[in-house]
Amino acid sequence: MPDAWSTHLAEQAARQRHAGRWRQRRTRRWSDGCRDFAGNDYLGLARDPRIAEAQAEGARRLGAGARASHLVSGHLEVHEALEQRLAALTGRPAALLFSTGYMANLGTLQALCDPDTRVFQDRLNHASLLDGARLAGARSRRFHHSDLDDLERLLARTPNDGRRLVVSDGVFSMDGDVADIAGLAATCSRHGAWLMVDDAHGLGVLGEAGDGCVGRAHGVDEVPVLVGTLGKALGSAGAFVAGSQALVEHLIQFARPYVYTTAQPPGVAAATLEALALLEAEPERRTRLATLIRRFRHEATLLGLPLAASTTPIQPLVLGDCQRVMEWAARLGERGILVGAIREPTVPRGQARLRITLSAAHTDADLEALLEGLAGCQARDTASRRELTP
C-alpha cells in the first residue's frame, strides 16, 4: 500500500499532466545542429571562445570553486574587480554579486522588506520578485501591467508614513515589452517610494552602452535598487544588485541568500569580465541583433503571425491555446528549430505562446528557417480548420 507521500506526489503529477502543464527537460548536445530560438544568449557570447578561455584560465589560476562564502574567505580579487566593473557599467556607486538572479531578487526583497513594508508590483513581474516579497512577509499589491495610473491610485490610497517599494521588471521576460522607467521613477518620487527594477533581459541589449533600460540613463536617485543577471546577454552565470554604497552594505549584512552561499566560482567571474570587455569593444553585436529583430517583425507581420508589441529580442507569438502551442513547438522541433512553449501559470490563462528569442549569433539562414517553419505551422492550422468546416 503506497504511503501518504507517494500518493501525494502521484496525485500532483496527474493533475499537472491533465491540465496540460507538464514540464519536461530536453537534454541537448552542443553539436546537435539545432537552431536555438529559445535561449537568452542575446549577444551570442555564451559560446564565444574568448570567454570560454577566460573562464578556463580563471579556474586554472584560482581554482574551480571559491571554497567559501564571500563573508568567510571566498571573496576574491576577481569578484571585487567584477563588482566594480558592473557598478561602472550601470552608473552606480557599488554592486554586489549573487549566484543567480532568483537569489538576487529573493535576497534583496528579504533584506529590504518586512511586514511593515508596503510593496507594489507589476502584475507581470518575474516569479522571483513575487516570491521575494511573499517570503519577506511584506504587504503586497499588484498593479495592472505597465499601468502608471493604477500604480498612482494604489500609492495614493496607502499611508505615506512608512517604507514603500515599487518593483518592476525592466524588460518583461514573457512579453518582451519595456517598462516605462521614467514614468515609474516620477510616480515613486511623488509618493516617497523607492523603485526596484530587475533588468535581467535589458542588460547588455538596451542602452547606449549595453547598460540596460535603466543603466546610466536613470541614476541611483531615480532607481535606487537595480538588479541585473549575467547569464543572459553576457553569456556567463550569476547576478548582481547595484545601487548606493549604503544599499550594498545593507545587503551584505542582511541578505541571507548572499550571506549563506558559497561565492561565485572564480572562473565564472573571469568569464564575465571578458564578456563585459567584449560588450564594450564589439558594439556591432547589438547592431546585428537590432537588425534581426526588425527583419523578423517585418517578415512575421507579412505572414500575419500574432506578434506581440515587442522591440526587444523576446518576440512572443500568442497562440492562446496550450495544445496549439505545443503542436507548433513540436513541428518546429521536427525541423531542428527550438523555441519556448510557454503555458499557464507562467503566463495568464488563454495567453499561451511561443516565446521566440533572437540572438546576434543567428545567421540570415537561421532566421529564414524559423520564418519558413512558422509559415508551415500556420498553413497546417489553416488546412486543418478547412477540413473541419462543413
Protein backbone atom coordinates (compact mmCIF):
# COMPACT_ATOMS: atom_id res chain seq x y z
CA MET A 1 0.00 0.00 0.00
CA PRO A 2 1.54 3.37 -1.00
CA ASP A 3 2.42 5.79 1.77
CA ALA A 4 0.88 9.26 2.05
CA TRP A 5 3.82 10.98 0.36
CA SER A 6 3.85 8.65 -2.64
CA THR A 7 0.12 9.15 -3.08
CA HIS A 8 0.50 12.91 -2.83
CA LEU A 9 3.28 13.02 -5.47
CA ALA A 10 1.30 10.80 -7.84
CA GLU A 11 -1.83 12.94 -7.48
CA GLN A 12 0.07 16.18 -8.11
CA ALA A 13 1.75 14.71 -11.19
CA ALA A 14 -1.60 13.51 -12.54
CA ARG A 15 -3.16 16.96 -12.07
CA GLN A 16 -0.24 18.63 -13.83
CA ARG A 17 -0.47 16.28 -16.80
CA HIS A 18 -4.25 16.55 -17.03
CA ALA A 19 -4.03 20.36 -17.06
CA GLY A 20 -1.54 20.26 -19.94
CA ARG A 21 1.14 21.86 -17.78
CA TRP A 22 3.63 19.01 -17.59
CA ARG A 23 7.17 20.35 -17.82
CA GLN A 24 9.88 18.23 -19.39
CA ARG A 25 13.60 18.83 -19.72
CA ARG A 26 15.31 18.42 -23.07
CA THR A 27 18.86 17.12 -22.92
CA ARG A 28 20.86 18.66 -25.74
CA ARG A 29 24.32 18.30 -27.17
CA TRP A 30 26.04 21.49 -28.26
CA SER A 31 26.71 19.78 -31.58
CA ASP A 32 23.14 18.65 -32.24
CA GLY A 33 22.72 21.17 -35.07
CA CYS A 34 19.53 22.59 -33.59
CA ARG A 35 18.75 26.23 -34.23
CA ASP A 36 18.16 27.68 -30.77
CA PHE A 37 15.46 30.35 -30.64
CA ALA A 38 14.57 29.55 -27.02
CA GLY A 39 17.61 30.71 -25.04
CA ASN A 40 18.60 34.12 -23.70
CA ASP A 41 22.06 34.38 -25.27
CA TYR A 42 21.10 37.66 -26.92
CA LEU A 43 24.60 38.74 -27.97
CA GLY A 44 25.93 35.29 -28.86
CA LEU A 45 28.56 35.43 -26.11
CA ALA A 46 27.82 32.13 -24.35
CA ARG A 47 29.90 30.13 -26.85
CA ASP A 48 32.50 32.77 -27.66
CA PRO A 49 35.89 31.00 -27.36
CA ARG A 50 37.50 34.05 -25.74
CA ILE A 51 35.03 33.91 -22.86
CA ALA A 52 35.47 30.15 -22.54
CA GLU A 53 39.24 30.61 -22.40
CA ALA A 54 38.91 33.37 -19.78
CA GLN A 55 36.83 31.01 -17.65
CA ALA A 56 39.30 28.18 -18.07
CA GLU A 57 42.26 30.41 -17.25
CA GLY A 58 40.46 31.78 -14.20
CA ALA A 59 39.84 28.25 -12.96
CA ARG A 60 43.44 27.24 -13.61
CA ARG A 61 44.77 30.21 -11.64
CA LEU A 62 42.24 30.42 -8.84
CA GLY A 63 40.58 27.02 -8.63
CA ALA A 64 37.29 25.51 -9.77
CA GLY A 65 35.41 26.89 -6.77
CA ALA A 66 35.64 29.82 -4.37
CA ARG A 67 35.69 27.42 -1.40
CA ALA A 68 33.61 29.60 0.93
CA SER A 69 31.07 32.37 1.11
CA HIS A 70 32.03 35.96 0.34
CA LEU A 71 32.00 36.77 4.07
CA VAL A 72 34.29 33.91 5.08
CA SER A 73 37.19 33.52 2.64
CA GLY A 74 35.52 33.27 -0.76
CA HIS A 75 35.61 36.94 -1.84
CA LEU A 76 38.50 37.08 -4.31
CA GLU A 77 40.10 39.91 -6.23
CA VAL A 78 38.34 38.76 -9.40
CA HIS A 79 34.97 39.17 -7.63
CA GLU A 80 35.92 42.64 -6.44
CA ALA A 81 37.00 43.63 -9.96
CA LEU A 82 33.74 42.33 -11.43
CA GLU A 83 31.61 44.22 -8.90
CA GLN A 84 33.46 47.43 -9.69
CA ARG A 85 33.05 46.88 -13.43
CA LEU A 86 29.29 46.23 -13.07
CA ALA A 87 28.86 49.34 -10.95
CA ALA A 88 30.64 51.39 -13.61
CA LEU A 89 28.55 49.89 -16.44
CA THR A 90 25.29 50.75 -14.70
CA GLY A 91 26.41 54.13 -13.38
CA ARG A 92 26.07 53.12 -9.73
CA PRO A 93 28.41 53.68 -6.78
CA ALA A 94 28.54 49.97 -5.91
CA ALA A 95 27.43 46.48 -6.93
CA LEU A 96 27.14 43.14 -5.15
CA LEU A 97 27.40 39.69 -6.77
CA PHE A 98 24.84 36.93 -6.24
CA SER A 99 24.95 33.36 -7.50
CA THR A 100 21.70 33.59 -9.51
CA GLY A 101 19.13 36.20 -10.49
CA TYR A 102 16.49 34.41 -8.43
CA MET A 103 18.71 34.64 -5.35
CA ALA A 104 19.45 38.31 -6.03
CA ASN A 105 15.75 39.16 -6.05
CA LEU A 106 14.90 36.99 -3.06
CA GLY A 107 17.85 38.30 -1.07
CA THR A 108 17.19 41.94 -1.86
CA LEU A 109 13.48 41.85 -1.06
CA GLN A 110 14.05 39.78 2.08
CA ALA A 111 16.68 42.25 3.28
CA LEU A 112 14.69 45.39 2.48
CA CYS A 113 11.18 44.32 3.43
CA ASP A 114 9.28 43.16 6.50
CA PRO A 115 5.59 43.01 7.46
CA ASP A 116 5.56 46.80 7.88
CA THR A 117 6.75 47.38 4.29
CA ARG A 118 4.26 48.00 1.51
CA VAL A 119 5.30 46.56 -1.85
CA PHE A 120 3.68 47.39 -5.19
CA GLN A 121 4.47 45.03 -8.07
CA ASP A 122 3.67 44.99 -11.77
CA ARG A 123 1.23 42.16 -12.39
CA LEU A 124 3.60 40.51 -14.89
CA ASN A 125 6.74 40.61 -12.74
CA HIS A 126 9.03 37.62 -12.66
CA ALA A 127 8.20 34.88 -10.15
CA SER A 128 11.35 35.60 -8.12
CA LEU A 129 10.15 39.14 -7.39
CA LEU A 130 6.72 37.93 -6.29
CA ASP A 131 8.25 35.18 -4.18
CA GLY A 132 10.75 37.55 -2.57
CA ALA A 133 8.07 39.90 -1.27
CA ARG A 134 5.95 36.98 -0.10
CA LEU A 135 8.82 35.38 1.81
CA ALA A 136 9.64 38.71 3.44
CA GLY A 137 6.07 38.90 4.75
CA ALA A 138 5.57 42.32 3.15
CA ARG A 139 2.10 43.66 2.41
CA SER A 140 1.93 43.45 -1.37
CA ARG A 141 -0.35 44.87 -4.02
CA ARG A 142 -0.09 44.25 -7.77
CA PHE A 143 -0.87 47.00 -10.26
CA HIS A 144 -2.09 46.40 -13.80
CA HIS A 145 0.71 45.72 -16.23
CA SER A 146 2.60 48.92 -17.11
CA ASP A 147 -0.36 50.96 -15.86
CA LEU A 148 1.04 54.04 -14.12
CA ASP A 149 -2.44 55.35 -13.34
CA ASP A 150 -3.27 52.17 -11.46
CA LEU A 151 0.01 52.38 -9.55
CA GLU A 152 -0.73 56.02 -8.75
CA ARG A 153 -4.13 55.06 -7.33
CA LEU A 154 -2.67 52.31 -5.17
CA LEU A 155 0.05 54.54 -3.79
CA ALA A 156 -2.40 57.37 -3.10
CA ARG A 157 -4.62 55.04 -1.06
CA THR A 158 -1.87 53.88 1.30
CA PRO A 159 -0.32 55.81 4.20
CA ASN A 160 2.90 57.55 3.26
CA ASP A 161 4.43 57.39 6.72
CA GLY A 162 6.16 54.05 6.17
CA ARG A 163 8.52 52.37 3.72
CA ARG A 164 7.06 51.71 0.29
CA LEU A 165 8.76 49.88 -2.54
CA VAL A 166 7.64 49.71 -6.17
CA VAL A 167 9.03 46.72 -8.06
CA SER A 168 9.08 46.08 -11.81
CA ASP A 169 10.84 44.06 -14.44
CA GLY A 170 12.80 46.20 -16.88
CA VAL A 171 12.11 44.01 -19.91
CA PHE A 172 9.26 41.60 -19.22
CA SER A 173 10.55 38.11 -19.86
CA MET A 174 7.43 36.60 -21.44
CA ASP A 175 6.18 39.65 -23.36
CA GLY A 176 9.37 41.44 -24.36
CA ASP A 177 7.98 44.91 -23.68
CA VAL A 178 9.96 47.50 -21.73
CA ALA A 179 8.81 49.21 -18.55
CA ASP A 180 8.39 52.98 -18.50
CA ILE A 181 11.31 53.62 -16.17
CA ALA A 182 10.99 57.41 -16.24
CA GLY A 183 7.27 57.20 -15.50
CA LEU A 184 7.77 54.71 -12.66
CA ALA A 185 10.54 56.86 -11.18
CA ALA A 186 8.40 60.01 -11.33
CA THR A 187 5.45 58.24 -9.69
CA CYS A 188 7.66 56.91 -6.93
CA SER A 189 9.17 60.34 -6.35
CA ARG A 190 5.72 61.90 -5.88
CA HIS A 191 4.82 59.36 -3.23
CA GLY A 192 8.14 58.99 -1.44
CA ALA A 193 8.60 55.37 -2.55
CA TRP A 194 11.74 53.57 -3.66
CA LEU A 195 11.88 51.90 -7.07
CA MET A 196 13.45 48.48 -7.68
CA VAL A 197 13.96 47.29 -11.27
CA ASP A 198 15.05 43.83 -12.38
CA ASP A 199 16.78 44.50 -15.72
CA ALA A 200 17.69 40.87 -16.38
CA HIS A 201 16.68 40.96 -20.04
CA GLY A 202 17.73 44.53 -20.80
CA LEU A 203 21.32 44.45 -19.56
CA GLY A 204 23.73 44.10 -22.48
CA VAL A 205 21.00 44.72 -25.06
CA LEU A 206 19.44 48.11 -24.34
CA GLY A 207 21.04 51.46 -23.56
CA GLU A 208 23.71 53.30 -25.49
CA ALA A 209 26.48 51.17 -23.98
CA GLY A 210 24.51 47.99 -23.34
CA ASP A 211 23.87 49.25 -19.82
CA GLY A 212 20.21 48.26 -20.00
CA CYS A 213 16.90 50.08 -19.84
CA VAL A 214 17.93 51.67 -16.52
CA GLY A 215 21.70 51.93 -16.51
CA ARG A 216 23.30 55.33 -16.83
CA ALA A 217 20.14 56.96 -18.18
CA HIS A 218 18.40 56.68 -14.79
CA GLY A 219 20.63 57.30 -11.82
CA VAL A 220 20.51 55.91 -8.33
CA ASP A 221 18.20 58.75 -7.24
CA GLU A 222 15.56 57.57 -9.74
CA VAL A 223 16.13 53.82 -9.39
CA PRO A 224 17.72 53.11 -6.01
CA VAL A 225 17.71 49.31 -6.47
CA LEU A 226 18.88 47.78 -9.76
CA VAL A 227 19.18 44.05 -10.37
CA GLY A 228 20.92 42.50 -13.37
CA THR A 229 21.82 38.99 -14.45
CA LEU A 230 24.99 37.72 -16.08
CA GLY A 231 23.67 34.53 -17.68
CA LYS A 232 21.66 36.11 -20.47
CA ALA A 233 23.19 38.73 -22.79
CA LEU A 234 26.58 38.43 -21.06
CA GLY A 235 26.68 34.67 -21.60
CA SER A 236 28.08 33.53 -18.23
CA ALA A 237 26.23 33.00 -14.92
CA GLY A 238 25.21 34.79 -11.77
CA ALA A 239 23.64 38.15 -10.97
CA PHE A 240 24.22 41.41 -9.15
CA VAL A 241 22.47 44.21 -7.33
CA ALA A 242 23.71 47.76 -7.94
CA GLY A 243 22.93 50.93 -6.02
CA SER A 244 24.32 53.14 -3.30
CA GLN A 245 27.11 52.06 -1.01
CA ALA A 246 24.60 52.06 1.85
CA LEU A 247 22.32 49.64 -0.05
CA VAL A 248 25.16 47.25 -0.83
CA GLU A 249 26.38 47.31 2.79
CA HIS A 250 22.83 46.60 3.96
CA LEU A 251 22.60 43.58 1.66
CA ILE A 252 25.96 42.30 2.87
CA GLN A 253 24.63 42.40 6.41
CA PHE A 254 21.09 41.12 5.93
CA ALA A 255 20.56 39.34 2.57
CA ARG A 256 20.52 35.71 3.65
CA PRO A 257 21.00 34.22 0.13
CA TYR A 258 24.21 36.28 -0.05
CA VAL A 259 25.48 35.64 3.47
CA TYR A 260 24.94 31.89 3.43
CA THR A 261 26.00 30.93 -0.11
CA THR A 262 29.40 29.94 -1.45
CA ALA A 263 30.81 32.70 -3.64
CA GLN A 264 30.62 32.53 -7.42
CA PRO A 265 33.32 30.28 -8.97
CA PRO A 266 36.28 32.50 -9.87
CA GLY A 267 36.39 31.21 -13.44
CA VAL A 268 32.81 32.42 -13.95
CA ALA A 269 33.74 35.87 -12.65
CA ALA A 270 36.73 35.97 -15.02
CA ALA A 271 34.49 34.95 -17.92
CA THR A 272 32.05 37.74 -17.10
CA LEU A 273 34.86 40.31 -17.05
CA GLU A 274 35.82 39.17 -20.54
CA ALA A 275 32.17 39.39 -21.65
CA LEU A 276 32.00 42.97 -20.38
CA ALA A 277 35.15 43.80 -22.31
CA LEU A 278 33.60 42.36 -25.50
CA LEU A 279 30.35 44.24 -24.85
CA GLU A 280 32.34 47.46 -24.94
CA ALA A 281 34.69 46.52 -27.78
CA GLU A 282 32.14 44.97 -30.15
CA PRO A 283 29.02 47.17 -30.38
CA GLU A 284 28.32 45.56 -33.75
CA ARG A 285 26.79 42.63 -31.84
CA ARG A 286 23.96 44.86 -30.66
CA THR A 287 23.65 46.39 -34.12
CA ARG A 288 23.31 42.93 -35.64
CA LEU A 289 20.71 41.96 -33.06
CA ALA A 290 18.64 45.08 -33.77
CA THR A 291 18.73 44.28 -37.49
CA LEU A 292 17.48 40.73 -36.88
CA ILE A 293 14.66 41.98 -34.65
CA ARG A 294 13.46 44.43 -37.29
CA ARG A 295 13.63 41.84 -40.06
CA PHE A 296 11.81 39.19 -38.04
CA ARG A 297 9.00 41.56 -37.13
CA HIS A 298 8.65 42.74 -40.74
CA GLU A 299 8.51 39.21 -42.16
CA ALA A 300 6.26 37.90 -39.39
CA THR A 301 3.84 40.76 -39.98
CA LEU A 302 3.70 39.91 -43.68
CA LEU A 303 2.87 36.31 -42.72
CA GLY A 304 0.05 37.50 -40.46
CA LEU A 305 1.57 35.92 -37.35
CA PRO A 306 0.17 37.08 -33.97
CA LEU A 307 3.09 39.24 -32.89
CA ALA A 308 3.21 40.94 -29.50
CA ALA A 309 4.26 44.58 -29.19
CA SER A 310 7.95 43.97 -28.51
CA THR A 311 11.05 45.61 -29.95
CA THR A 312 13.45 43.52 -27.84
CA PRO A 313 14.98 40.09 -28.64
CA ILE A 314 11.96 38.46 -26.93
CA GLN A 315 9.34 38.01 -29.66
CA PRO A 316 6.26 36.15 -28.38
CA LEU A 317 3.65 34.69 -30.71
CA VAL A 318 0.49 34.48 -28.61
CA LEU A 319 -1.49 31.47 -29.87
CA GLY A 320 -3.83 31.24 -26.87
CA ASP A 321 -4.41 27.51 -26.73
CA CYS A 322 -1.91 25.32 -24.84
CA GLN A 323 -2.34 22.38 -27.19
CA ARG A 324 -1.78 24.56 -30.24
CA VAL A 325 1.39 25.98 -28.69
CA MET A 326 2.75 22.51 -28.02
CA GLU A 327 1.88 21.37 -31.54
CA TRP A 328 3.64 24.33 -33.16
CA ALA A 329 6.71 23.81 -30.95
CA ALA A 330 6.79 20.12 -31.89
CA ARG A 331 6.50 20.88 -35.61
CA LEU A 332 9.32 23.39 -35.39
CA GLY A 333 11.35 20.86 -33.41
CA GLU A 334 11.00 18.38 -36.26
CA ARG A 335 12.69 21.00 -38.45
CA GLY A 336 15.52 21.38 -35.96
CA ILE A 337 14.21 24.68 -34.57
CA LEU A 338 13.97 25.07 -30.80
CA VAL A 339 11.50 27.64 -29.37
CA GLY A 340 9.99 28.15 -25.95
CA ALA A 341 6.47 26.76 -25.46
CA ILE A 342 5.03 28.84 -22.62
CA ARG A 343 1.78 27.96 -20.89
CA GLU A 344 -0.07 28.91 -17.73
CA PRO A 345 0.72 29.53 -14.93
CA THR A 346 3.84 31.19 -16.35
CA VAL A 347 1.51 33.35 -18.43
CA PRO A 348 -2.18 34.13 -17.80
CA ARG A 349 -4.84 31.65 -18.90
CA GLY A 350 -5.66 31.94 -22.59
CA GLN A 351 -2.30 33.57 -23.41
CA ALA A 352 -0.16 30.52 -24.15
CA ARG A 353 2.58 31.41 -26.58
CA LEU A 354 5.71 30.56 -28.43
CA ARG A 355 8.49 32.57 -26.81
CA ILE A 356 10.92 33.22 -29.66
CA THR A 357 14.23 34.82 -28.76
CA LEU A 358 16.73 36.28 -31.20
CA SER A 359 20.49 36.40 -30.88
CA ALA A 360 23.30 38.23 -32.63
CA ALA A 361 24.71 34.75 -33.30
CA HIS A 362 21.79 33.84 -35.56
CA THR A 363 22.58 33.85 -39.26
CA ASP A 364 20.29 35.01 -42.03
CA ALA A 365 19.77 31.33 -42.87
CA ASP A 366 18.71 30.65 -39.27
CA LEU A 367 16.10 33.39 -39.43
CA GLU A 368 14.82 32.21 -42.80
CA ALA A 369 14.45 28.66 -41.45
CA LEU A 370 12.48 29.97 -38.48
CA LEU A 371 10.14 32.01 -40.66
CA GLU A 372 9.63 29.08 -43.04
CA GLY A 373 8.83 26.84 -40.10
CA LEU A 374 6.31 29.30 -38.66
CA ALA A 375 4.69 29.74 -42.06
CA GLY A 376 4.39 25.95 -42.30
CA CYS A 377 2.73 25.75 -38.89
CA GLN A 378 0.27 28.43 -39.87
CA ALA A 379 -0.54 26.77 -43.19
CA ARG A 380 -1.13 23.44 -41.48
CA ASP A 381 -3.51 25.07 -38.98
CA THR A 382 -5.40 26.75 -41.81
CA ALA A 383 -5.74 23.46 -43.68
CA SER A 384 -7.00 21.71 -40.54
CA ARG A 385 -9.66 24.37 -39.97
CA ARG A 386 -10.86 24.00 -43.57
CA GLU A 387 -11.21 20.24 -43.11
CA LEU A 388 -13.35 20.81 -40.02
CA THR A 389 -15.60 23.34 -41.74
CA PRO A 390 -18.78 21.66 -43.04
